[in-house]
Amino acid sequence: MANQLDSFFAAMADPTRRAVIERLTGGPAPVIELHAPHDIALPTFLRHLKVLEASGLVRSEKKGRVRIVHIEAAPLAAAENWLSRHRKIWEARIDRLATLAEHLEETSDDD
């Protein structure tokens, strides 16, 4: 699980890769379409796709001469679950801190 999360966050750390994932939420796309909005050389873009594939975020299949890229939901769901658990932990800590601050404020007002 930790390795999968490390791979997910490393892949998502790059704006080009995030843009590819964002585009793929609308459905599968050929590599050439995914590359078009990016002002980088195709070999560089293909390295980004390799990172996304290695992390499990996307998969590709060849249809004739065209490579189609698909998003994979499992890594996104795993990251969302991890973030959700940690959000709950930190929200609870912040709530306890706010309660403590209110208590301290009340006791200082009594002085």
N, C-alpha and C. Protein backbone atom coordinates (compact mmCIF):
# COMPACT_ATOMS: atom_id res chain seq x y z
N MET A 1 0.82 -1.20 0.00
CA MET A 1 0.00 0.00 0.00
C MET A 1 0.86 1.26 0.00
N ALA A 2 1.89 1.31 0.88
CA ALA A 2 2.74 2.50 0.95
C ALA A 2 3.46 2.72 -0.37
N ASN A 3 3.96 1.66 -0.99
CA ASN A 3 4.65 1.79 -2.27
C ASN A 3 3.70 2.31 -3.35
N GLN A 4 2.46 1.83 -3.33
CA GLN A 4 1.46 2.29 -4.30
C GLN A 4 1.18 3.78 -4.10
N LEU A 5 1.05 4.21 -2.84
CA LEU A 5 0.82 5.63 -2.58
C LEU A 5 2.01 6.47 -2.98
N ASP A 6 3.22 5.99 -2.69
CA ASP A 6 4.43 6.72 -3.09
C ASP A 6 4.45 6.91 -4.60
N SER A 7 4.15 5.84 -5.32
CA SER A 7 4.13 5.89 -6.77
C SER A 7 3.05 6.85 -7.27
N PHE A 8 1.88 6.80 -6.65
CA PHE A 8 0.77 7.69 -7.03
C PHE A 8 1.17 9.16 -6.86
N PHE A 9 1.65 9.51 -5.65
CA PHE A 9 1.97 10.91 -5.39
C PHE A 9 3.16 11.39 -6.22
N ALA A 10 4.13 10.52 -6.48
CA ALA A 10 5.25 10.89 -7.34
C ALA A 10 4.76 11.17 -8.76
N ALA A 11 3.87 10.32 -9.24
CA ALA A 11 3.33 10.53 -10.60
C ALA A 11 2.51 11.81 -10.67
N MET A 12 1.72 12.07 -9.65
CA MET A 12 0.83 13.23 -9.66
C MET A 12 1.55 14.54 -9.31
N ALA A 13 2.83 14.46 -8.99
CA ALA A 13 3.58 15.67 -8.63
C ALA A 13 3.88 16.55 -9.84
N ASP A 14 3.73 16.02 -11.02
CA ASP A 14 4.06 16.77 -12.23
C ASP A 14 2.81 17.34 -12.89
N PRO A 15 2.82 18.62 -13.27
CA PRO A 15 1.62 19.23 -13.86
C PRO A 15 1.21 18.60 -15.21
N THR A 16 2.17 18.16 -15.99
CA THR A 16 1.83 17.51 -17.26
C THR A 16 1.07 16.22 -17.00
N ARG A 17 1.54 15.43 -16.06
CA ARG A 17 0.87 14.17 -15.75
C ARG A 17 -0.50 14.41 -15.13
N ARG A 18 -0.62 15.44 -14.29
CA ARG A 18 -1.95 15.77 -13.74
C ARG A 18 -2.91 16.17 -14.85
N ALA A 19 -2.42 16.92 -15.83
CA ALA A 19 -3.26 17.34 -16.96
C ALA A 19 -3.72 16.12 -17.76
N VAL A 20 -2.84 15.15 -17.94
CA VAL A 20 -3.21 13.93 -18.67
C VAL A 20 -4.31 13.19 -17.91
N ILE A 21 -4.14 13.04 -16.60
CA ILE A 21 -5.16 12.37 -15.78
C ILE A 21 -6.47 13.13 -15.86
N GLU A 22 -6.41 14.43 -15.76
CA GLU A 22 -7.63 15.26 -15.85
C GLU A 22 -8.33 15.02 -17.19
N ARG A 23 -7.58 15.00 -18.27
CA ARG A 23 -8.17 14.76 -19.59
C ARG A 23 -8.79 13.38 -19.67
N LEU A 24 -8.12 12.38 -19.10
CA LEU A 24 -8.60 11.01 -19.19
C LEU A 24 -9.85 10.76 -18.34
N THR A 25 -10.18 11.66 -17.43
CA THR A 25 -11.44 11.50 -16.69
C THR A 25 -12.63 11.63 -17.63
N GLY A 26 -12.41 12.24 -18.78
CA GLY A 26 -13.47 12.36 -19.78
C GLY A 26 -13.55 11.17 -20.72
N GLY A 27 -12.66 10.22 -20.57
CA GLY A 27 -12.67 9.02 -21.40
C GLY A 27 -11.31 8.75 -22.02
N PRO A 28 -11.13 7.55 -22.56
CA PRO A 28 -9.87 7.17 -23.19
C PRO A 28 -9.52 8.11 -24.35
N ALA A 29 -8.22 8.20 -24.63
CA ALA A 29 -7.78 9.07 -25.71
C ALA A 29 -6.50 8.52 -26.34
N PRO A 30 -6.31 8.80 -27.62
CA PRO A 30 -5.05 8.40 -28.26
C PRO A 30 -3.90 9.28 -27.76
N VAL A 31 -2.72 8.71 -27.79
CA VAL A 31 -1.53 9.43 -27.31
C VAL A 31 -1.39 10.78 -28.01
N ILE A 32 -1.60 10.82 -29.30
CA ILE A 32 -1.41 12.07 -30.05
C ILE A 32 -2.36 13.16 -29.55
N GLU A 33 -3.57 12.79 -29.17
CA GLU A 33 -4.52 13.76 -28.62
C GLU A 33 -4.08 14.24 -27.24
N LEU A 34 -3.58 13.32 -26.44
CA LEU A 34 -3.11 13.69 -25.10
C LEU A 34 -1.89 14.60 -25.19
N HIS A 35 -1.04 14.36 -26.18
CA HIS A 35 0.19 15.14 -26.34
C HIS A 35 -0.08 16.55 -26.87
N ALA A 36 -1.10 16.70 -27.70
CA ALA A 36 -1.35 17.95 -28.44
C ALA A 36 -1.31 19.23 -27.59
N PRO A 37 -1.95 19.28 -26.41
CA PRO A 37 -1.94 20.56 -25.69
C PRO A 37 -0.63 20.88 -24.96
N HIS A 38 0.33 19.98 -25.01
CA HIS A 38 1.57 20.18 -24.26
C HIS A 38 2.71 20.61 -25.19
N ASP A 39 3.40 21.64 -24.78
CA ASP A 39 4.48 22.19 -25.58
C ASP A 39 5.80 21.49 -25.23
N ILE A 40 5.81 20.17 -25.40
CA ILE A 40 7.02 19.38 -25.15
C ILE A 40 7.17 18.37 -26.29
N ALA A 41 8.37 17.90 -26.47
CA ALA A 41 8.63 16.91 -27.53
C ALA A 41 7.89 15.62 -27.20
N LEU A 42 7.49 14.91 -28.24
CA LEU A 42 6.77 13.65 -28.06
C LEU A 42 7.54 12.65 -27.21
N PRO A 43 8.85 12.45 -27.42
CA PRO A 43 9.57 11.50 -26.56
C PRO A 43 9.52 11.88 -25.07
N THR A 44 9.58 13.17 -24.79
CA THR A 44 9.45 13.62 -23.40
C THR A 44 8.07 13.31 -22.87
N PHE A 45 7.05 13.57 -23.68
CA PHE A 45 5.68 13.28 -23.27
C PHE A 45 5.49 11.78 -23.03
N LEU A 46 6.09 10.96 -23.88
CA LEU A 46 5.97 9.51 -23.70
C LEU A 46 6.60 9.05 -22.39
N ARG A 47 7.65 9.74 -21.95
CA ARG A 47 8.23 9.41 -20.63
C ARG A 47 7.23 9.70 -19.52
N HIS A 48 6.47 10.77 -19.67
CA HIS A 48 5.41 11.07 -18.69
C HIS A 48 4.38 9.95 -18.67
N LEU A 49 3.99 9.48 -19.84
CA LEU A 49 3.02 8.38 -19.90
C LEU A 49 3.58 7.11 -19.26
N LYS A 50 4.88 6.86 -19.44
CA LYS A 50 5.50 5.69 -18.82
C LYS A 50 5.44 5.78 -17.30
N VAL A 51 5.65 6.96 -16.75
CA VAL A 51 5.55 7.15 -15.30
C VAL A 51 4.12 6.86 -14.84
N LEU A 52 3.14 7.37 -15.58
CA LEU A 52 1.74 7.13 -15.23
C LEU A 52 1.40 5.65 -15.32
N GLU A 53 1.92 4.97 -16.33
CA GLU A 53 1.66 3.53 -16.46
C GLU A 53 2.35 2.75 -15.34
N ALA A 54 3.58 3.11 -15.02
CA ALA A 54 4.31 2.42 -13.95
C ALA A 54 3.61 2.58 -12.60
N SER A 55 2.95 3.69 -12.41
CA SER A 55 2.25 3.93 -11.15
C SER A 55 0.88 3.25 -11.13
N GLY A 56 0.45 2.73 -12.27
CA GLY A 56 -0.85 2.08 -12.36
C GLY A 56 -2.00 3.02 -12.62
N LEU A 57 -1.71 4.30 -12.82
CA LEU A 57 -2.77 5.29 -13.03
C LEU A 57 -3.40 5.20 -14.41
N VAL A 58 -2.64 4.75 -15.38
CA VAL A 58 -3.17 4.58 -16.73
C VAL A 58 -2.70 3.25 -17.29
N ARG A 59 -3.42 2.81 -18.31
CA ARG A 59 -2.99 1.67 -19.11
C ARG A 59 -3.21 2.05 -20.56
N SER A 60 -2.45 1.44 -21.43
CA SER A 60 -2.63 1.74 -22.84
C SER A 60 -2.78 0.45 -23.62
N GLU A 61 -3.44 0.59 -24.75
CA GLU A 61 -3.61 -0.56 -25.65
C GLU A 61 -3.44 -0.06 -27.07
N LYS A 62 -2.88 -0.92 -27.88
CA LYS A 62 -2.66 -0.55 -29.28
C LYS A 62 -3.82 -1.05 -30.12
N LYS A 63 -4.40 -0.13 -30.88
CA LYS A 63 -5.48 -0.45 -31.82
C LYS A 63 -4.98 -0.04 -33.20
N GLY A 64 -4.53 -1.02 -33.95
CA GLY A 64 -3.92 -0.71 -35.24
C GLY A 64 -2.63 0.04 -35.01
N ARG A 65 -2.55 1.24 -35.57
CA ARG A 65 -1.34 2.05 -35.41
C ARG A 65 -1.49 3.09 -34.30
N VAL A 66 -2.61 3.07 -33.61
CA VAL A 66 -2.90 4.09 -32.59
C VAL A 66 -2.84 3.47 -31.20
N ARG A 67 -2.16 4.16 -30.29
CA ARG A 67 -2.11 3.72 -28.90
C ARG A 67 -3.14 4.53 -28.12
N ILE A 68 -4.09 3.83 -27.50
CA ILE A 68 -5.17 4.46 -26.73
C ILE A 68 -4.83 4.33 -25.25
N VAL A 69 -4.98 5.43 -24.53
CA VAL A 69 -4.67 5.46 -23.09
C VAL A 69 -5.96 5.54 -22.30
N HIS A 70 -6.05 4.72 -21.26
CA HIS A 70 -7.22 4.66 -20.38
C HIS A 70 -6.79 4.97 -18.95
N ILE A 71 -7.66 5.61 -18.20
CA ILE A 71 -7.39 5.86 -16.78
C ILE A 71 -7.74 4.60 -15.99
N GLU A 72 -7.03 4.39 -14.91
CA GLU A 72 -7.31 3.28 -14.00
C GLU A 72 -7.74 3.87 -12.66
N ALA A 73 -8.90 3.47 -12.19
CA ALA A 73 -9.49 4.08 -11.00
C ALA A 73 -8.89 3.60 -9.69
N ALA A 74 -8.37 2.40 -9.63
CA ALA A 74 -7.93 1.82 -8.35
C ALA A 74 -6.89 2.68 -7.62
N PRO A 75 -5.83 3.16 -8.27
CA PRO A 75 -4.88 4.00 -7.55
C PRO A 75 -5.48 5.32 -7.06
N LEU A 76 -6.41 5.88 -7.85
CA LEU A 76 -7.08 7.10 -7.43
C LEU A 76 -7.94 6.85 -6.19
N ALA A 77 -8.62 5.73 -6.17
CA ALA A 77 -9.47 5.39 -5.02
C ALA A 77 -8.61 5.14 -3.79
N ALA A 78 -7.48 4.46 -3.96
CA ALA A 78 -6.59 4.19 -2.82
C ALA A 78 -6.06 5.49 -2.23
N ALA A 79 -5.67 6.42 -3.09
CA ALA A 79 -5.18 7.71 -2.61
C ALA A 79 -6.29 8.49 -1.91
N GLU A 80 -7.49 8.46 -2.48
CA GLU A 80 -8.63 9.15 -1.85
C GLU A 80 -8.93 8.56 -0.48
N ASN A 81 -8.87 7.25 -0.35
CA ASN A 81 -9.10 6.62 0.95
C ASN A 81 -8.05 7.05 1.96
N TRP A 82 -6.80 7.08 1.54
CA TRP A 82 -5.71 7.49 2.43
C TRP A 82 -5.90 8.95 2.86
N LEU A 83 -6.19 9.82 1.89
CA LEU A 83 -6.40 11.23 2.19
C LEU A 83 -7.60 11.43 3.11
N SER A 84 -8.67 10.69 2.89
CA SER A 84 -9.86 10.79 3.71
C SER A 84 -9.57 10.39 5.16
N ARG A 85 -8.84 9.29 5.33
CA ARG A 85 -8.49 8.86 6.70
C ARG A 85 -7.66 9.93 7.41
N HIS A 86 -6.69 10.48 6.70
CA HIS A 86 -5.82 11.49 7.32
C HIS A 86 -6.55 12.82 7.54
N ARG A 87 -7.48 13.13 6.66
CA ARG A 87 -8.29 14.34 6.85
C ARG A 87 -9.08 14.22 8.15
N LYS A 88 -9.69 13.07 8.39
CA LYS A 88 -10.47 12.85 9.62
C LYS A 88 -9.58 12.97 10.85
N ILE A 89 -8.39 12.40 10.79
CA ILE A 89 -7.46 12.49 11.92
C ILE A 89 -7.13 13.94 12.23
N TRP A 90 -6.77 14.71 11.19
CA TRP A 90 -6.37 16.09 11.41
C TRP A 90 -7.55 16.98 11.78
N GLU A 91 -8.73 16.71 11.25
CA GLU A 91 -9.90 17.49 11.66
C GLU A 91 -10.21 17.26 13.12
N ALA A 92 -10.07 16.02 13.59
CA ALA A 92 -10.31 15.73 15.01
C ALA A 92 -9.28 16.44 15.88
N ARG A 93 -8.03 16.45 15.45
CA ARG A 93 -6.98 17.15 16.21
C ARG A 93 -7.24 18.65 16.26
N ILE A 94 -7.66 19.21 15.15
CA ILE A 94 -7.95 20.64 15.10
C ILE A 94 -9.15 20.97 15.98
N ASP A 95 -10.16 20.11 15.98
CA ASP A 95 -11.32 20.32 16.84
C ASP A 95 -10.91 20.30 18.31
N ARG A 96 -10.04 19.34 18.68
CA ARG A 96 -9.57 19.29 20.07
C ARG A 96 -8.75 20.52 20.42
N LEU A 97 -7.94 20.99 19.49
CA LEU A 97 -7.14 22.19 19.72
C LEU A 97 -8.05 23.41 19.88
N ALA A 98 -9.09 23.51 19.08
CA ALA A 98 -10.03 24.63 19.19
C ALA A 98 -10.74 24.59 20.53
N THR A 99 -11.13 23.39 20.98
CA THR A 99 -11.78 23.25 22.28
C THR A 99 -10.84 23.69 23.39
N LEU A 100 -9.59 23.27 23.31
CA LEU A 100 -8.59 23.66 24.31
C LEU A 100 -8.40 25.17 24.31
N ALA A 101 -8.32 25.78 23.13
CA ALA A 101 -8.13 27.23 23.04
C ALA A 101 -9.33 27.97 23.64
N GLU A 102 -10.53 27.47 23.37
CA GLU A 102 -11.72 28.09 23.96
C GLU A 102 -11.69 27.96 25.48
N HIS A 103 -11.30 26.80 25.98
CA HIS A 103 -11.22 26.58 27.43
C HIS A 103 -10.20 27.52 28.05
N LEU A 104 -9.03 27.64 27.43
CA LEU A 104 -8.01 28.53 27.96
C LEU A 104 -8.46 29.97 27.93
N GLU A 105 -9.18 30.36 26.89
CA GLU A 105 -9.70 31.72 26.78
C GLU A 105 -10.71 31.98 27.90
N GLU A 106 -11.58 31.01 28.15
CA GLU A 106 -12.59 31.14 29.20
C GLU A 106 -11.93 31.27 30.58
N THR A 107 -10.91 30.47 30.83
CA THR A 107 -10.24 30.53 32.13
C THR A 107 -9.45 31.81 32.29
N SER A 108 -8.92 32.37 31.21
CA SER A 108 -8.18 33.64 31.32
C SER A 108 -9.15 34.79 31.51
N ASP A 109 -10.37 34.67 31.00
CA ASP A 109 -11.38 35.71 31.20
C ASP A 109 -11.86 35.73 32.65
N ASP A 110 -11.78 34.58 33.33
CA ASP A 110 -12.22 34.49 34.71
C ASP A 110 -11.24 35.16 35.66
N ASP A 111 -10.00 35.37 35.21
CA ASP A 111 -8.97 35.99 36.08
C ASP A 111 -9.17 37.43 36.29
